[in-house]
Amino acid sequence: MRFAAIADVHGNHLALEAVIADIRAQNIDEIVNPGDMASGPLDARLDAAHLDWLRAVRPSCVFRDQVFLCHATPDSDEVYWLETVLADGAVRMSSLEEIEKAAAGTRSG
């Protein structure tokens, strides 16, 4: 199975177009986007149907009953999974134990 997982587009359509062109060049048919598709003052350009669609995007999913995907962590869209923010604001890589603890309860097939 080959698919592309993209996230953090943040409304940057030029970057998105470049990524999609690269995905097509690699003959990948399926794309999954687990989050952060739009940000900033874009709500002035989106109608109610667009905003409802964005609100309905699930924070996580299991793609093809095999791969667990989420934007940030399984429990929160606002917490880092692979990095830990320390009390002084410094960032360090999370330990394997911390990463596995955050993954507890997820299923990937």
PDB file of N, CA and C in Angstrom:
ATOM      1  N   MET A   1       0.845  -1.174   0.000  1.00  0.00           N
ATOM      2  CA  MET A   1       0.000   0.000   0.000  1.00  0.00           C
ATOM      3  C   MET A   1       0.892   1.239   0.000  1.00  0.00           C
ATOM      4  N   ARG A   2       0.637   2.124  -0.941  1.00  0.00           N
ATOM      5  CA  ARG A   2       1.349   3.402  -0.972  1.00  0.00           C
ATOM      6  C   ARG A   2       0.323   4.521  -0.907  1.00  0.00           C
ATOM      7  N   PHE A   3       0.516   5.409   0.048  1.00  0.00           N
ATOM      8  CA  PHE A   3      -0.343   6.575   0.155  1.00  0.00           C
ATOM      9  C   PHE A   3       0.502   7.718   0.684  1.00  0.00           C
ATOM     10  N   ALA A   4      -0.014   8.920   0.549  1.00  0.00           N
ATOM     11  CA  ALA A   4       0.682  10.095   1.071  1.00  0.00           C
ATOM     12  C   ALA A   4      -0.117  10.651   2.237  1.00  0.00           C
ATOM     13  N   ALA A   5       0.572  10.978   3.303  1.00  0.00           N
ATOM     14  CA  ALA A   5      -0.037  11.653   4.444  1.00  0.00           C
ATOM     15  C   ALA A   5       0.543  13.058   4.482  1.00  0.00           C
ATOM     16  N   ILE A   6      -0.323  14.042   4.370  1.00  0.00           N
ATOM     17  CA  ILE A   6       0.127  15.432   4.419  1.00  0.00           C
ATOM     18  C   ILE A   6      -0.650  16.153   5.513  1.00  0.00           C
ATOM     19  N   ALA A   7      -0.026  17.124   6.124  1.00  0.00           N
ATOM     20  CA  ALA A   7      -0.683  17.911   7.163  1.00  0.00           C
ATOM     21  C   ALA A   7      -0.025  19.275   7.235  1.00  0.00           C
ATOM     22  N   ASP A   8      -0.602  20.136   8.008  1.00  0.00           N
ATOM     23  CA  ASP A   8      -0.061  21.479   8.248  1.00  0.00           C
ATOM     24  C   ASP A   8       0.037  22.312   6.979  1.00  0.00           C
ATOM     25  N   VAL A   9      -0.963  22.213   6.143  1.00  0.00           N
ATOM     26  CA  VAL A   9      -1.016  23.026   4.932  1.00  0.00           C
ATOM     27  C   VAL A   9      -1.248  24.492   5.306  1.00  0.00           C
ATOM     28  N   HIS A  10      -2.051  24.722   6.312  1.00  0.00           N
ATOM     29  CA  HIS A  10      -2.353  26.066   6.828  1.00  0.00           C
ATOM     30  C   HIS A  10      -2.807  27.037   5.742  1.00  0.00           C
ATOM     31  N   GLY A  11      -3.522  26.532   4.748  1.00  0.00           N
ATOM     32  CA  GLY A  11      -4.044  27.402   3.702  1.00  0.00           C
ATOM     33  C   GLY A  11      -3.025  27.837   2.667  1.00  0.00           C
ATOM     34  N   ASN A  12      -1.829  27.291   2.687  1.00  0.00           N
ATOM     35  CA  ASN A  12      -0.775  27.674   1.742  1.00  0.00           C
ATOM     36  C   ASN A  12      -0.965  26.883   0.448  1.00  0.00           C
ATOM     37  N   HIS A  13      -1.787  27.425  -0.452  1.00  0.00           N
ATOM     38  CA  HIS A  13      -2.144  26.671  -1.649  1.00  0.00           C
ATOM     39  C   HIS A  13      -0.959  26.452  -2.578  1.00  0.00           C
ATOM     40  N   LEU A  14       0.012  27.349  -2.593  1.00  0.00           N
ATOM     41  CA  LEU A  14       1.181  27.152  -3.461  1.00  0.00           C
ATOM     42  C   LEU A  14       2.014  25.953  -2.996  1.00  0.00           C
ATOM     43  N   ALA A  15       2.217  25.841  -1.698  1.00  0.00           N
ATOM     44  CA  ALA A  15       2.948  24.686  -1.166  1.00  0.00           C
ATOM     45  C   ALA A  15       2.144  23.412  -1.383  1.00  0.00           C
ATOM     46  N   LEU A  16       0.842  23.485  -1.190  1.00  0.00           N
ATOM     47  CA  LEU A  16      -0.007  22.311  -1.400  1.00  0.00           C
ATOM     48  C   LEU A  16       0.061  21.844  -2.848  1.00  0.00           C
ATOM     49  N   GLU A  17       0.009  22.777  -3.793  1.00  0.00           N
ATOM     50  CA  GLU A  17       0.105  22.401  -5.205  1.00  0.00           C
ATOM     51  C   GLU A  17       1.431  21.709  -5.504  1.00  0.00           C
ATOM     52  N   ALA A  18       2.527  22.181  -4.915  1.00  0.00           N
ATOM     53  CA  ALA A  18       3.837  21.555  -5.134  1.00  0.00           C
ATOM     54  C   ALA A  18       3.868  20.144  -4.545  1.00  0.00           C
ATOM     55  N   VAL A  19       3.303  19.981  -3.368  1.00  0.00           N
ATOM     56  CA  VAL A  19       3.273  18.659  -2.733  1.00  0.00           C
ATOM     57  C   VAL A  19       2.419  17.696  -3.561  1.00  0.00           C
ATOM     58  N   ILE A  20       1.265  18.157  -4.015  1.00  0.00           N
ATOM     59  CA  ILE A  20       0.401  17.289  -4.823  1.00  0.00           C
ATOM     60  C   ILE A  20       1.083  16.918  -6.140  1.00  0.00           C
ATOM     61  N   ALA A  21       1.803  17.843  -6.751  1.00  0.00           N
ATOM     62  CA  ALA A  21       2.542  17.518  -7.975  1.00  0.00           C
ATOM     63  C   ALA A  21       3.578  16.436  -7.711  1.00  0.00           C
ATOM     64  N   ASP A  22       4.261  16.529  -6.577  1.00  0.00           N
ATOM     65  CA  ASP A  22       5.249  15.505  -6.229  1.00  0.00           C
ATOM     66  C   ASP A  22       4.578  14.161  -5.968  1.00  0.00           C
ATOM     67  N   ILE A  23       3.438  14.183  -5.298  1.00  0.00           N
ATOM     68  CA  ILE A  23       2.692  12.946  -5.031  1.00  0.00           C
ATOM     69  C   ILE A  23       2.275  12.297  -6.349  1.00  0.00           C
ATOM     70  N   ARG A  24       1.771  13.096  -7.276  1.00  0.00           N
ATOM     71  CA  ARG A  24       1.370  12.552  -8.587  1.00  0.00           C
ATOM     72  C   ARG A  24       2.571  11.984  -9.336  1.00  0.00           C
ATOM     73  N   ALA A  25       3.716  12.651  -9.257  1.00  0.00           N
ATOM     74  CA  ALA A  25       4.923  12.178  -9.944  1.00  0.00           C
ATOM     75  C   ALA A  25       5.373  10.824  -9.412  1.00  0.00           C
ATOM     76  N   GLN A  26       5.013  10.527  -8.177  1.00  0.00           N
ATOM     77  CA  GLN A  26       5.381   9.244  -7.576  1.00  0.00           C
ATOM     78  C   GLN A  26       4.284   8.190  -7.748  1.00  0.00           C
ATOM     79  N   ASN A  27       3.273   8.518  -8.546  1.00  0.00           N
ATOM     80  CA  ASN A  27       2.162   7.598  -8.826  1.00  0.00           C
ATOM     81  C   ASN A  27       1.450   7.108  -7.569  1.00  0.00           C
ATOM     82  N   ILE A  28       1.246   8.016  -6.644  1.00  0.00           N
ATOM     83  CA  ILE A  28       0.503   7.705  -5.418  1.00  0.00           C
ATOM     84  C   ILE A  28      -0.938   8.154  -5.640  1.00  0.00           C
ATOM     85  N   ASP A  29      -1.869   7.239  -5.404  1.00  0.00           N
ATOM     86  CA  ASP A  29      -3.272   7.511  -5.697  1.00  0.00           C
ATOM     87  C   ASP A  29      -4.059   8.082  -4.539  1.00  0.00           C
ATOM     88  N   GLU A  30      -3.663   7.777  -3.313  1.00  0.00           N
ATOM     89  CA  GLU A  30      -4.464   8.170  -2.170  1.00  0.00           C
ATOM     90  C   GLU A  30      -3.705   9.130  -1.267  1.00  0.00           C
ATOM     91  N   ILE A  31      -4.441  10.139  -0.790  1.00  0.00           N
ATOM     92  CA  ILE A  31      -3.872  11.153   0.098  1.00  0.00           C
ATOM     93  C   ILE A  31      -4.745  11.233   1.345  1.00  0.00           C
ATOM     94  N   VAL A  32      -4.097  11.274   2.493  1.00  0.00           N
ATOM     95  CA  VAL A  32      -4.793  11.448   3.764  1.00  0.00           C
ATOM     96  C   VAL A  32      -4.232  12.707   4.410  1.00  0.00           C
ATOM     97  N   ASN A  33      -5.114  13.564   4.919  1.00  0.00           N
ATOM     98  CA  ASN A  33      -4.685  14.790   5.562  1.00  0.00           C
ATOM     99  C   ASN A  33      -5.254  14.833   6.974  1.00  0.00           C
ATOM    100  N   PRO A  34      -4.421  14.575   7.988  1.00  0.00           N
ATOM    101  CA  PRO A  34      -4.928  14.531   9.352  1.00  0.00           C
ATOM    102  C   PRO A  34      -5.056  15.877  10.067  1.00  0.00           C
ATOM    103  N   GLY A  35      -4.809  16.994   9.399  1.00  0.00           N
ATOM    104  CA  GLY A  35      -5.102  18.232  10.104  1.00  0.00           C
ATOM    105  C   GLY A  35      -4.342  19.462   9.693  1.00  0.00           C
ATOM    106  N   ASP A  36      -4.786  20.563  10.257  1.00  0.00           N
ATOM    107  CA  ASP A  36      -4.270  21.908  10.017  1.00  0.00           C
ATOM    108  C   ASP A  36      -4.269  22.268   8.531  1.00  0.00           C
ATOM    109  N   MET A  37      -5.451  22.203   7.952  1.00  0.00           N
ATOM    110  CA  MET A  37      -5.599  22.529   6.533  1.00  0.00           C
ATOM    111  C   MET A  37      -5.718  24.024   6.295  1.00  0.00           C
ATOM    112  N   ALA A  38      -6.306  24.726   7.236  1.00  0.00           N
ATOM    113  CA  ALA A  38      -6.520  26.163   7.079  1.00  0.00           C
ATOM    114  C   ALA A  38      -6.181  26.854   8.396  1.00  0.00           C
ATOM    115  N   SER A  39      -5.720  28.086   8.296  1.00  0.00           N
ATOM    116  CA  SER A  39      -5.454  28.858   9.505  1.00  0.00           C
ATOM    117  C   SER A  39      -5.433  30.337   9.150  1.00  0.00           C
ATOM    118  N   GLY A  40      -5.395  31.161  10.145  1.00  0.00           N
ATOM    119  CA  GLY A  40      -5.340  32.595   9.914  1.00  0.00           C
ATOM    120  C   GLY A  40      -6.702  33.179   9.588  1.00  0.00           C
ATOM    121  N   PRO A  41      -6.710  34.292   8.882  1.00  0.00           N
ATOM    122  CA  PRO A  41      -7.958  35.025   8.628  1.00  0.00           C
ATOM    123  C   PRO A  41      -8.769  34.455   7.463  1.00  0.00           C
ATOM    124  N   LEU A  42      -8.599  33.178   7.147  1.00  0.00           N
ATOM    125  CA  LEU A  42      -9.290  32.601   6.001  1.00  0.00           C
ATOM    126  C   LEU A  42     -10.790  32.475   6.203  1.00  0.00           C
ATOM    127  N   ASP A  43     -11.285  32.560   7.460  1.00  0.00           N
ATOM    128  CA  ASP A  43     -12.720  32.395   7.673  1.00  0.00           C
ATOM    129  C   ASP A  43     -13.522  33.467   6.935  1.00  0.00           C
ATOM    130  N   ALA A  44     -12.902  34.608   6.570  1.00  0.00           N
ATOM    131  CA  ALA A  44     -13.615  35.639   5.801  1.00  0.00           C
ATOM    132  C   ALA A  44     -13.837  35.198   4.363  1.00  0.00           C
ATOM    133  N   ARG A  45     -13.117  34.175   3.911  1.00  0.00           N
ATOM    134  CA  ARG A  45     -13.244  33.707   2.533  1.00  0.00           C
ATOM    135  C   ARG A  45     -13.976  32.373   2.428  1.00  0.00           C
ATOM    136  N   LEU A  46     -14.307  31.767   3.544  1.00  0.00           N
ATOM    137  CA  LEU A  46     -14.973  30.477   3.540  1.00  0.00           C
ATOM    138  C   LEU A  46     -16.432  30.654   3.924  1.00  0.00           C
ATOM    139  N   ASP A  47     -17.303  29.921   3.226  1.00  0.00           N
ATOM    140  CA  ASP A  47     -18.713  30.013   3.597  1.00  0.00           C
ATOM    141  C   ASP A  47     -19.034  28.982   4.685  1.00  0.00           C
ATOM    142  N   ALA A  48     -20.257  28.967   5.131  1.00  0.00           N
ATOM    143  CA  ALA A  48     -20.659  28.094   6.241  1.00  0.00           C
ATOM    144  C   ALA A  48     -20.417  26.622   5.921  1.00  0.00           C
ATOM    145  N   ALA A  49     -20.643  26.210   4.692  1.00  0.00           N
ATOM    146  CA  ALA A  49     -20.433  24.801   4.321  1.00  0.00           C
ATOM    147  C   ALA A  49     -18.962  24.418   4.446  1.00  0.00           C
ATOM    148  N   HIS A  50     -18.062  25.321   4.035  1.00  0.00           N
ATOM    149  CA  HIS A  50     -16.626  25.055   4.175  1.00  0.00           C
ATOM    150  C   HIS A  50     -16.239  24.920   5.645  1.00  0.00           C
ATOM    151  N   LEU A  51     -16.721  25.852   6.446  1.00  0.00           N
ATOM    152  CA  LEU A  51     -16.391  25.827   7.879  1.00  0.00           C
ATOM    153  C   LEU A  51     -16.962  24.589   8.554  1.00  0.00           C
ATOM    154  N   ASP A  52     -18.171  24.184   8.183  1.00  0.00           N
ATOM    155  CA  ASP A  52     -18.753  22.962   8.743  1.00  0.00           C
ATOM    156  C   ASP A  52     -17.917  21.748   8.363  1.00  0.00           C
ATOM    157  N   TRP A  53     -17.439  21.704   7.117  1.00  0.00           N
ATOM    158  CA  TRP A  53     -16.608  20.582   6.671  1.00  0.00           C
ATOM    159  C   TRP A  53     -15.316  20.524   7.485  1.00  0.00           C
ATOM    160  N   LEU A  54     -14.677  21.678   7.679  1.00  0.00           N
ATOM    161  CA  LEU A  54     -13.445  21.703   8.467  1.00  0.00           C
ATOM    162  C   LEU A  54     -13.691  21.266   9.906  1.00  0.00           C
ATOM    163  N   ARG A  55     -14.802  21.694  10.484  1.00  0.00           N
ATOM    164  CA  ARG A  55     -15.115  21.306  11.865  1.00  0.00           C
ATOM    165  C   ARG A  55     -15.373  19.804  11.997  1.00  0.00           C
ATOM    166  N   ALA A  56     -15.822  19.177  10.923  1.00  0.00           N
ATOM    167  CA  ALA A  56     -16.161  17.756  10.960  1.00  0.00           C
ATOM    168  C   ALA A  56     -14.962  16.836  10.737  1.00  0.00           C
ATOM    169  N   VAL A  57     -13.802  17.401  10.396  1.00  0.00           N
ATOM    170  CA  VAL A  57     -12.618  16.566  10.177  1.00  0.00           C
ATOM    171  C   VAL A  57     -12.250  15.886  11.484  1.00  0.00           C
ATOM    172  N   ARG A  58     -12.126  14.574  11.438  1.00  0.00           N
ATOM    173  CA  ARG A  58     -11.807  13.812  12.649  1.00  0.00           C
ATOM    174  C   ARG A  58     -10.361  14.065  13.068  1.00  0.00           C
ATOM    175  N   PRO A  59     -10.091  14.091  14.378  1.00  0.00           N
ATOM    176  CA  PRO A  59      -8.721  14.348  14.850  1.00  0.00           C
ATOM    177  C   PRO A  59      -7.772  13.177  14.609  1.00  0.00           C
ATOM    178  N   SER A  60      -8.329  11.982  14.351  1.00  0.00           N
ATOM    179  CA  SER A  60      -7.492  10.827  14.042  1.00  0.00           C
ATOM    180  C   SER A  60      -8.303   9.854  13.201  1.00  0.00           C
ATOM    181  N   CYS A  61      -7.613   8.940  12.558  1.00  0.00           N
ATOM    182  CA  CYS A  61      -8.294   7.905  11.786  1.00  0.00           C
ATOM    183  C   CYS A  61      -7.362   6.717  11.612  1.00  0.00           C
ATOM    184  N   VAL A  62      -7.957   5.606  11.235  1.00  0.00           N
ATOM    185  CA  VAL A  62      -7.181   4.429  10.863  1.00  0.00           C
ATOM    186  C   VAL A  62      -7.409   4.246   9.374  1.00  0.00           C
ATOM    187  N   PHE A  63      -6.361   4.432   8.608  1.00  0.00           N
ATOM    188  CA  PHE A  63      -6.440   4.379   7.153  1.00  0.00           C
ATOM    189  C   PHE A  63      -6.344   2.937   6.683  1.00  0.00           C
ATOM    190  N   ARG A  64      -7.344   2.520   5.923  1.00  0.00           N
ATOM    191  CA  ARG A  64      -7.385   1.170   5.336  1.00  0.00           C
ATOM    192  C   ARG A  64      -7.205   0.072   6.391  1.00  0.00           C
ATOM    193  N   ASP A  65      -7.676   0.346   7.599  1.00  0.00           N
ATOM    194  CA  ASP A  65      -7.580  -0.621   8.712  1.00  0.00           C
ATOM    195  C   ASP A  65      -6.154  -1.053   9.006  1.00  0.00           C
ATOM    196  N   GLN A  66      -5.172  -0.209   8.640  1.00  0.00           N
ATOM    197  CA  GLN A  66      -3.774  -0.596   8.845  1.00  0.00           C
ATOM    198  C   GLN A  66      -2.902   0.463   9.495  1.00  0.00           C
ATOM    199  N   VAL A  67      -3.188   1.742   9.249  1.00  0.00           N
ATOM    200  CA  VAL A  67      -2.275   2.794   9.695  1.00  0.00           C
ATOM    201  C   VAL A  67      -3.040   3.832  10.516  1.00  0.00           C
ATOM    202  N   PHE A  68      -2.610   4.027  11.752  1.00  0.00           N
ATOM    203  CA  PHE A  68      -3.202   5.063  12.601  1.00  0.00           C
ATOM    204  C   PHE A  68      -2.597   6.407  12.226  1.00  0.00           C
ATOM    205  N   LEU A  69      -3.444   7.403  12.011  1.00  0.00           N
ATOM    206  CA  LEU A  69      -2.990   8.755  11.667  1.00  0.00           C
ATOM    207  C   LEU A  69      -3.650   9.775  12.579  1.00  0.00           C
ATOM    208  N   CYS A  70      -2.864  10.758  12.988  1.00  0.00           N
ATOM    209  CA  CYS A  70      -3.411  11.885  13.727  1.00  0.00           C
ATOM    210  C   CYS A  70      -2.538  13.093  13.433  1.00  0.00           C
ATOM    211  N   HIS A  71      -3.065  14.268  13.732  1.00  0.00           N
ATOM    212  CA  HIS A  71      -2.295  15.476  13.450  1.00  0.00           C
ATOM    213  C   HIS A  71      -1.218  15.741  14.490  1.00  0.00           C
ATOM    214  N   ALA A  72      -1.540  15.630  15.723  1.00  0.00           N
ATOM    215  CA  ALA A  72      -0.569  15.934  16.781  1.00  0.00           C
ATOM    216  C   ALA A  72      -0.352  14.695  17.643  1.00  0.00           C
ATOM    217  N   THR A  73      -1.252  14.435  18.582  1.00  0.00           N
ATOM    218  CA  THR A  73      -1.195  13.189  19.357  1.00  0.00           C
ATOM    219  C   THR A  73      -2.568  12.534  19.267  1.00  0.00           C
ATOM    220  N   PRO A  74      -2.680  11.286  19.668  1.00  0.00           N
ATOM    221  CA  PRO A  74      -3.990  10.639  19.633  1.00  0.00           C
ATOM    222  C   PRO A  74      -5.046  11.349  20.478  1.00  0.00           C
ATOM    223  N   ASP A  75      -4.626  12.069  21.510  1.00  0.00           N
ATOM    224  CA  ASP A  75      -5.577  12.703  22.427  1.00  0.00           C
ATOM    225  C   ASP A  75      -5.757  14.200  22.238  1.00  0.00           C
ATOM    226  N   SER A  76      -4.841  14.856  21.544  1.00  0.00           N
ATOM    227  CA  SER A  76      -4.911  16.310  21.443  1.00  0.00           C
ATOM    228  C   SER A  76      -4.300  16.803  20.143  1.00  0.00           C
ATOM    229  N   ASP A  77      -4.942  17.790  19.565  1.00  0.00           N
ATOM    230  CA  ASP A  77      -4.414  18.416  18.357  1.00  0.00           C
ATOM    231  C   ASP A  77      -3.447  19.547  18.702  1.00  0.00           C
ATOM    232  N   GLU A  78      -3.251  19.791  19.993  1.00  0.00           N
ATOM    233  CA  GLU A  78      -2.427  20.918  20.407  1.00  0.00           C
ATOM    234  C   GLU A  78      -1.218  20.520  21.252  1.00  0.00           C
ATOM    235  N   VAL A  79      -0.892  19.236  21.269  1.00  0.00           N
ATOM    236  CA  VAL A  79       0.232  18.743  22.057  1.00  0.00           C
ATOM    237  C   VAL A  79       1.210  18.054  21.120  1.00  0.00           C
ATOM    238  N   TYR A  80       2.492  18.310  21.316  1.00  0.00           N
ATOM    239  CA  TYR A  80       3.507  17.629  20.509  1.00  0.00           C
ATOM    240  C   TYR A  80       3.586  16.166  20.918  1.00  0.00           C
ATOM    241  N   TRP A  81       3.858  15.305  19.957  1.00  0.00           N
ATOM    242  CA  TRP A  81       4.001  13.881  20.257  1.00  0.00           C
ATOM    243  C   TRP A  81       5.470  13.478  20.295  1.00  0.00           C
ATOM    244  N   LEU A  82       6.239  13.918  19.340  1.00  0.00           N
ATOM    245  CA  LEU A  82       7.635  13.497  19.237  1.00  0.00           C
ATOM    246  C   LEU A  82       8.592  14.430  19.952  1.00  0.00           C
ATOM    247  N   GLU A  83       8.087  15.572  20.406  1.00  0.00           N
ATOM    248  CA  GLU A  83       8.912  16.507  21.172  1.00  0.00           C
ATOM    249  C   GLU A  83       8.208  16.808  22.485  1.00  0.00           C
ATOM    250  N   THR A  84       9.010  17.162  23.483  1.00  0.00           N
ATOM    251  CA  THR A  84       8.495  17.551  24.788  1.00  0.00           C
ATOM    252  C   THR A  84       8.923  18.984  25.056  1.00  0.00           C
ATOM    253  N   VAL A  85       7.955  19.827  25.410  1.00  0.00           N
ATOM    254  CA  VAL A  85       8.250  21.218  25.746  1.00  0.00           C
ATOM    255  C   VAL A  85       8.487  21.286  27.250  1.00  0.00           C
ATOM    256  N   LEU A  86       9.656  21.755  27.622  1.00  0.00           N
ATOM    257  CA  LEU A  86      10.037  21.844  29.036  1.00  0.00           C
ATOM    258  C   LEU A  86       9.470  23.109  29.667  1.00  0.00           C
ATOM    259  N   ALA A  87       9.539  23.201  30.981  1.00  0.00           N
ATOM    260  CA  ALA A  87       8.962  24.336  31.716  1.00  0.00           C
ATOM    261  C   ALA A  87       9.555  25.670  31.273  1.00  0.00           C
ATOM    262  N   ASP A  88      10.824  25.675  30.856  1.00  0.00           N
ATOM    263  CA  ASP A  88      11.463  26.931  30.437  1.00  0.00           C
ATOM    264  C   ASP A  88      11.211  27.257  28.967  1.00  0.00           C
ATOM    265  N   GLY A  89      10.404  26.427  28.292  1.00  0.00           N
ATOM    266  CA  GLY A  89      10.086  26.660  26.887  1.00  0.00           C
ATOM    267  C   GLY A  89      11.003  25.938  25.913  1.00  0.00           C
ATOM    268  N   ALA A  90      12.072  25.351  26.436  1.00  0.00           N
ATOM    269  CA  ALA A  90      12.980  24.586  25.568  1.00  0.00           C
ATOM    270  C   ALA A  90      12.263  23.321  25.085  1.00  0.00           C
ATOM    271  N   VAL A  91      12.694  22.832  23.940  1.00  0.00           N
ATOM    272  CA  VAL A  91      12.084  21.642  23.350  1.00  0.00           C
ATOM    273  C   VAL A  91      13.146  20.561  23.226  1.00  0.00           C
ATOM    274  N   ARG A  92      12.763  19.339  23.600  1.00  0.00           N
ATOM    275  CA  ARG A  92      13.671  18.195  23.444  1.00  0.00           C
ATOM    276  C   ARG A  92      12.892  17.065  22.796  1.00  0.00           C
ATOM    277  N   MET A  93      13.598  16.144  22.200  1.00  0.00           N
ATOM    278  CA  MET A  93      12.951  14.969  21.631  1.00  0.00           C
ATOM    279  C   MET A  93      12.328  14.153  22.763  1.00  0.00           C
ATOM    280  N   SER A  94      11.140  13.649  22.534  1.00  0.00           N
ATOM    281  CA  SER A  94      10.502  12.782  23.518  1.00  0.00           C
ATOM    282  C   SER A  94      11.207  11.437  23.543  1.00  0.00           C
ATOM    283  N   SER A  95      11.173  10.810  24.695  1.00  0.00           N
ATOM    284  CA  SER A  95      11.758   9.474  24.807  1.00  0.00           C
ATOM    285  C   SER A  95      10.815   8.462  24.159  1.00  0.00           C
ATOM    286  N   LEU A  96      11.332   7.314  23.818  1.00  0.00           N
ATOM    287  CA  LEU A  96      10.507   6.253  23.257  1.00  0.00           C
ATOM    288  C   LEU A  96       9.382   5.894  24.222  1.00  0.00           C
ATOM    289  N   GLU A  97       9.669   5.891  25.507  1.00  0.00           N
ATOM    290  CA  GLU A  97       8.647   5.571  26.496  1.00  0.00           C
ATOM    291  C   GLU A  97       7.506   6.603  26.470  1.00  0.00           C
ATOM    292  N   GLU A  98       7.842   7.889  26.338  1.00  0.00           N
ATOM    293  CA  GLU A  98       6.819   8.936  26.277  1.00  0.00           C
ATOM    294  C   GLU A  98       5.965   8.794  25.013  1.00  0.00           C
ATOM    295  N   ILE A  99       6.613   8.487  23.896  1.00  0.00           N
ATOM    296  CA  ILE A  99       5.898   8.323  22.629  1.00  0.00           C
ATOM    297  C   ILE A  99       4.954   7.129  22.714  1.00  0.00           C
ATOM    298  N   GLU A 100       5.440   6.019  23.233  1.00  0.00           N
ATOM    299  CA  GLU A 100       4.609   4.826  23.360  1.00  0.00           C
ATOM    300  C   GLU A 100       3.450   5.045  24.333  1.00  0.00           C
ATOM    301  N   LYS A 101       3.695   5.791  25.403  1.00  0.00           N
ATOM    302  CA  LYS A 101       2.626   6.072  26.364  1.00  0.00           C
ATOM    303  C   LYS A 101       1.515   6.860  25.692  1.00  0.00           C
ATOM    304  N   ALA A 102       1.861   7.841  24.873  1.00  0.00           N
ATOM    305  CA  ALA A 102       0.853   8.635  24.175  1.00  0.00           C
ATOM    306  C   ALA A 102       0.099   7.794  23.148  1.00  0.00           C
ATOM    307  N   ALA A 103       0.707   6.725  22.650  1.00  0.00           N
ATOM    308  CA  ALA A 103       0.078   5.856  21.655  1.00  0.00           C
ATOM    309  C   ALA A 103      -0.799   4.785  22.286  1.00  0.00           C
ATOM    310  N   ALA A 104      -0.747   4.658  23.593  1.00  0.00           N
ATOM    311  CA  ALA A 104      -1.531   3.615  24.257  1.00  0.00           C
ATOM    312  C   ALA A 104      -3.000   3.754  23.894  1.00  0.00           C
ATOM    313  N   GLY A 105      -3.596   2.653  23.504  1.00  0.00           N
ATOM    314  CA  GLY A 105      -5.036   2.667  23.187  1.00  0.00           C
ATOM    315  C   GLY A 105      -5.333   2.907  21.725  1.00  0.00           C
ATOM    316  N   THR A 106      -4.339   3.270  20.939  1.00  0.00           N
ATOM    317  CA  THR A 106      -4.601   3.427  19.503  1.00  0.00           C
ATOM    318  C   THR A 106      -4.567   2.071  18.848  1.00  0.00           C
ATOM    319  N   ARG A 107      -5.214   1.984  17.704  1.00  0.00           N
ATOM    320  CA  ARG A 107      -5.137   0.734  16.954  1.00  0.00           C
ATOM    321  C   ARG A 107      -4.703   1.037  15.540  1.00  0.00           C
ATOM    322  N   SER A 108      -3.925   0.152  14.979  1.00  0.00           N
ATOM    323  CA  SER A 108      -3.450   0.354  13.600  1.00  0.00           C
ATOM    324  C   SER A 108      -3.585  -0.934  12.806  1.00  0.00           C
ATOM    325  N   GLY A 109      -4.669  -1.616  13.014  1.00  0.00           N
ATOM    326  CA  GLY A 109      -4.902  -2.800  12.184  1.00  0.00           C
ATOM    327  C   GLY A 109      -5.138  -4.036  12.987  1.00  0.00           C
TER     328      GLY A 109
END
